[in-house]
Protein backbone atom coordinates (compact mmCIF):
# COMPACT_ATOMS: atom_id res chain seq x y z
CA UNK A 1 37.00 -63.69 -38.31
CA UNK A 2 33.60 -62.32 -38.94
CA UNK A 3 34.56 -59.09 -40.68
CA UNK A 4 31.28 -58.09 -42.42
CA UNK A 5 28.86 -60.02 -40.28
CA UNK A 6 27.03 -58.63 -37.30
CA UNK A 7 26.62 -60.60 -34.19
CA UNK A 8 22.87 -61.16 -33.65
CA UNK A 9 23.44 -61.12 -29.86
CA UNK A 10 24.81 -57.54 -30.03
CA UNK A 11 21.76 -56.36 -31.94
CA UNK A 12 19.49 -57.91 -29.34
CA UNK A 13 21.40 -56.22 -26.49
CA UNK A 14 21.25 -52.88 -28.31
CA UNK A 15 17.50 -53.17 -28.85
CA UNK A 16 17.03 -54.39 -25.32
CA UNK A 17 18.82 -51.34 -23.83
CA UNK A 18 17.02 -48.92 -26.13
CA UNK A 19 13.67 -50.50 -25.28
CA UNK A 20 14.20 -49.98 -21.53
CA UNK A 21 15.84 -46.54 -21.83
CA UNK A 22 12.93 -45.00 -23.77
CA UNK A 23 10.29 -45.31 -20.98
CA UNK A 24 12.85 -44.04 -18.46
CA UNK A 25 13.46 -40.92 -20.59
CA UNK A 26 9.71 -40.34 -20.94
CA UNK A 27 9.22 -40.61 -17.16
CA UNK A 28 12.15 -38.26 -16.46
CA UNK A 29 10.91 -35.67 -18.98
CA UNK A 30 7.38 -35.79 -17.49
CA UNK A 31 8.80 -35.30 -14.00
CA UNK A 32 10.89 -32.37 -15.24
CA UNK A 33 7.90 -30.75 -16.93
CA UNK A 34 5.80 -31.31 -13.83
CA UNK A 35 8.45 -29.74 -11.57
CA UNK A 36 8.76 -26.70 -13.82
CA UNK A 37 4.98 -26.25 -13.80
CA UNK A 38 4.83 -26.48 -10.01
CA UNK A 39 7.58 -23.85 -9.68
CA UNK A 40 5.68 -21.48 -11.98
CA UNK A 41 2.47 -21.82 -9.98
CA UNK A 42 4.23 -21.10 -6.68
CA UNK A 43 5.87 -17.89 -7.92
CA UNK A 44 2.69 -16.28 -9.25
CA UNK A 45 1.01 -14.00 -6.67
CA UNK A 46 -2.42 -15.01 -5.51
CA UNK A 47 -4.98 -12.23 -5.91
CA UNK A 48 -7.27 -12.00 -2.92
CA UNK A 49 -10.87 -11.43 -3.94
CA UNK A 50 -12.96 -8.88 -2.03
CA UNK A 51 -15.32 -10.38 0.52
CA UNK A 52 -17.74 -7.50 -0.03
CA UNK A 53 -18.00 -4.40 -2.25
CA UNK A 54 -20.05 -1.36 -1.22
CA UNK A 55 -20.80 1.83 -3.13
CA UNK A 56 -21.40 5.24 -1.49
CA UNK A 57 -19.61 3.91 1.58
CA UNK A 58 -19.31 5.75 4.91
CA UNK A 59 -17.86 4.79 8.28
CA UNK A 60 -16.41 6.31 11.41
CA UNK A 61 -14.09 5.39 14.25
CA UNK A 62 -14.69 6.44 17.87
CA UNK A 63 -12.69 5.89 21.02
CA UNK A 64 -14.38 6.38 24.38
CA UNK A 65 -17.40 7.84 22.58
CA UNK A 66 -15.28 10.59 20.96
CA UNK A 67 -14.93 10.69 17.17
CA UNK A 68 -11.38 10.08 15.90
CA UNK A 69 -12.23 10.06 12.19
CA UNK A 70 -15.09 9.77 9.72
CA UNK A 71 -14.77 8.62 6.13
CA UNK A 72 -16.89 8.56 2.98
CA UNK A 73 -15.86 6.98 -0.34
CA UNK A 74 -17.41 6.23 -3.71
CA UNK A 75 -16.49 2.55 -3.37
CA UNK A 76 -15.09 0.22 -0.68
CA UNK A 77 -13.71 -3.28 -1.28
CA UNK A 78 -13.38 -5.34 1.89
CA UNK A 79 -10.58 -7.89 2.12
CA UNK A 80 -9.49 -9.79 5.23
CA UNK A 81 -7.23 -7.08 6.71
CA UNK A 82 -7.63 -4.03 4.47
CA UNK A 83 -10.53 -2.07 3.01
CA UNK A 84 -9.61 -0.45 -0.33
CA UNK A 85 -11.29 2.88 -1.07
CA UNK A 86 -12.04 4.89 -4.19
CA UNK A 87 -12.21 8.71 -3.90
CA UNK A 88 -12.12 8.86 -0.09
CA UNK A 89 -12.80 11.95 2.01
CA UNK A 90 -11.53 11.63 5.58
CA UNK A 91 -12.29 14.01 8.43
CA UNK A 92 -9.90 13.68 11.36
CA UNK A 93 -10.80 15.03 14.78
CA UNK A 94 -8.52 16.30 17.53
CA UNK A 95 -9.98 16.64 21.05
CA UNK A 96 -13.45 16.07 19.58
CA UNK A 97 -13.16 18.95 17.06
CA UNK A 98 -12.65 18.69 13.30
CA UNK A 99 -8.92 19.22 12.67
CA UNK A 100 -8.43 18.37 8.96
CA UNK A 101 -10.33 17.13 5.92
CA UNK A 102 -8.30 14.94 3.55
CA UNK A 103 -9.21 13.90 0.00
CA UNK A 104 -7.44 11.66 -2.53
CA UNK A 105 -7.97 9.32 -5.47
CA UNK A 106 -7.56 6.07 -3.50
CA UNK A 107 -7.19 4.93 0.07
CA UNK A 108 -7.05 2.09 2.58
CA UNK A 109 -8.34 1.38 6.05
CA UNK A 110 -6.12 -0.99 8.01
CA UNK A 111 -8.75 -2.83 10.02
CA UNK A 112 -6.52 -4.08 12.86
CA UNK A 113 -5.20 -0.61 13.78
CA UNK A 114 -7.87 1.77 12.38
CA UNK A 115 -5.10 3.56 10.46
CA UNK A 116 -6.14 5.29 7.24
CA UNK A 117 -3.94 5.79 4.16
CA UNK A 118 -4.94 8.25 1.42
CA UNK A 119 -3.10 7.96 -1.91
CA UNK A 120 -2.61 9.98 -5.11
CA UNK A 121 -3.49 13.67 -5.44
CA UNK A 122 -3.86 14.04 -1.68
CA UNK A 123 -5.07 17.38 -0.32
CA UNK A 124 -5.50 18.09 3.39
CA UNK A 125 -7.33 21.25 4.52
CA UNK A 126 -7.14 22.53 8.08
CA UNK A 127 -7.61 25.96 9.69
CA UNK A 128 -3.82 26.31 9.81
CA UNK A 129 -3.08 25.45 6.20
CA UNK A 130 -3.27 23.11 3.27
CA UNK A 131 -1.21 19.96 2.80
CA UNK A 132 -0.37 18.51 -0.64
CA UNK A 133 1.25 15.11 -1.19
CA UNK A 134 0.85 11.78 -3.00
CA UNK A 135 0.62 9.56 0.10
CA UNK A 136 -0.67 10.43 3.57
CA UNK A 137 -1.04 8.10 6.55
CA UNK A 138 -3.19 8.69 9.63
CA UNK A 139 -1.65 6.73 12.50
CA UNK A 140 -4.57 6.25 14.82
CA UNK A 141 -2.49 4.94 17.76
CA UNK A 142 -0.48 8.17 18.25
CA UNK A 143 -2.84 10.63 16.53
CA UNK A 144 -0.28 11.73 13.91
CA UNK A 145 -0.28 12.36 10.19
CA UNK A 146 2.71 11.01 8.26
CA UNK A 147 3.92 11.28 4.65
CA UNK A 148 6.77 8.94 3.64
CA UNK A 149 7.63 11.08 0.61
CA UNK A 150 7.60 14.76 -0.44
CA UNK A 151 4.87 17.07 0.79
CA UNK A 152 4.04 20.76 0.70
CA UNK A 153 2.27 22.83 3.36
CA UNK A 154 0.80 26.19 2.44
CA UNK A 155 -0.31 28.79 5.02
CA UNK A 156 -1.42 32.03 3.36
CA UNK A 157 1.58 33.08 1.25
CA UNK A 158 4.02 30.90 3.25
CA UNK A 159 5.13 27.51 1.92
CA UNK A 160 7.13 24.63 3.37
CA UNK A 161 8.31 21.75 1.18
CA UNK A 162 10.06 18.72 2.65
CA UNK A 163 10.34 14.97 3.03
CA UNK A 164 8.81 12.57 5.57
CA UNK A 165 6.42 15.04 7.19
CA UNK A 166 4.96 14.15 10.58
CA UNK A 167 2.51 16.32 12.42
CA UNK A 168 -0.66 16.77 14.38
CA UNK A 169 -3.89 16.68 12.37
CA UNK A 170 -4.45 20.44 12.61
CA UNK A 171 -0.99 21.04 11.04
CA UNK A 172 -0.05 23.34 13.95
CA UNK A 173 3.15 21.41 14.73
CA UNK A 174 4.92 19.80 11.79
CA UNK A 175 8.32 18.08 11.50
CA UNK A 176 9.96 17.53 8.08
CA UNK A 177 13.32 16.52 6.62
CA UNK A 178 15.17 18.40 3.86
CA UNK A 179 12.97 21.47 4.33
CA UNK A 180 12.80 24.37 1.90
CA UNK A 181 10.54 27.16 3.05
CA UNK A 182 9.37 30.68 2.49
CA UNK A 183 7.75 31.91 5.71
CA UNK A 184 5.97 35.23 6.25
CA UNK A 185 5.26 36.27 9.87
CA UNK A 186 1.70 37.34 8.97
CA UNK A 187 0.88 33.67 8.18
CA UNK A 188 2.22 32.26 11.47
CA UNK A 189 0.55 32.31 14.86
CA UNK A 190 2.81 33.73 17.55
CA UNK A 191 2.02 33.93 21.26
CA UNK A 192 3.07 37.41 22.42
CA UNK A 193 3.20 36.18 26.07
CA UNK A 194 6.16 33.86 25.33
CA UNK A 195 8.97 36.43 25.75
């Protein structure tokens, strides 16, 4: 019996296995690190760079020779599908006449649809009242204004506060959800022939 002696063949086998296992572990760890890195790169959003930046920007949109809207902004950044605006002023026309002037801190022109979005500290001024909200959309296709959140319309001393406002650009006809209002007849236009 070889009680205190080591078999030299066992040592050789042990070294032989360790020698081959080490490169395999290195390769597996490099693959794991590489996979983790690839996953990180895929999850990070890619920032699109503006194709062009203009200052003191102005533009307009016409259909059939009739103005639908005009816009001026301090700055415009053109991307593939959207133009981002800084301090936009938008004039929207209805039947060729100025219906409302809208201002805000930021905005967007959706190039494919000619829709305009005005964001943050939005004020709309028409002959029939003032509109206050944080986000206002001009849907060019149906000629409607839309706010997806809370808005307030003021006509003289009358006020209407509600959610998801939709209306014509002159603010003559407005639809809202969850409406709270204080209406005074002197501030509303009534047609006396409709009785």
